Amino acid sequence: MRIRALVLVASGAVALSALAVPAAQAATAGPAVTFSQLKVNGGKNIVVGSTAMVTVSATYTVTKPASLNASSLQTGPVLYRGTLSLDSETVLGGDEPGTCTASSSTVLKCTAKIQFRPKGSDEDGDLVSSDAGTWKLGAVAVNANGVTLQGDLGTTHLQRRATLTTNASPEPVKKGRTITVTGKLARANWDTNKYAGYSTQPVKLQFKKKGATTWSTLKTIKSSTTGALKTTVTASTDGYFRYVFAGTTTTSPVNSSADYVDVQ
């Protein structure tokens, strides 16, 4: 995948950039800072659809020497796999450095944005479907002296958005007859910018009686090789049917819309 972070260090100027710079190009002695309390997307998983860019917020704390001028320092959070380094090919960061406010001479409270773009969605798209899954969290600090990287600040899941449908028929139906409930489970493909069926996944069929407020699970079935769902139940009373997918490490959870069946 193309790296959309880390750091550009050139001609004495420093900036977080949409470029990857080999470690040999960076100064060896970075700013003496440490990061803590990093939270990306409020601690929730990051879910990206097939085409639209998703921007999430991050908050973090920077601790620095009192002698280090905050205005000379640029920082930002990153997602990475493996070992965090400037020449890594599995690092994601934001388009711009974070914004920090001094709470003391040594502590900065910071916020930042990280953008996620499916491949092919625009000229900056870099996500491919294999990028879905668990990522480590880290952070970068840059000033004229060089670059500091700090990893192991947590983890997050970068997930492909799922869709789910439900159709119960016939409608209406006589009591005691068979109701067939069909649907489809699909998820975003970041390589093609389309949605494709998600195969062999457990999906719950739930029912809510007319006038009730809670759902009950009737059974769990698996999606077909194309993501299709199909099962039958016996008609007993008026109510709503829906499919529910709990999600996986790579794919977001989703509930379908409810389909009402009138039992006569």
Foldseek 3Di string as FASTA:
>chain_A
DQEQWDWDAPPLAIFIAGHQDAPVVWFPDFAPKDKAPKDKQNVAAAEDELADKDKIKIKIKMFHDLPDDPVQKFKWKKWAPDDDDSPDRGIFTAHGTWDWDDPDSGMIITMDMGMAGQPPNDPSHDDFLVNFFKTWMWMWMHGSNGIDIGTDRGMHTYAWEKAKAWDWDDAAEAAFDKIKIKMFIWTHGSVVSDIWGDFFAKKWKWKDAVPGDDIDTDDIDTAHPRRMDIDMDGHHAWTWIWIWGPADRHYHTDIYDIDTYHYD
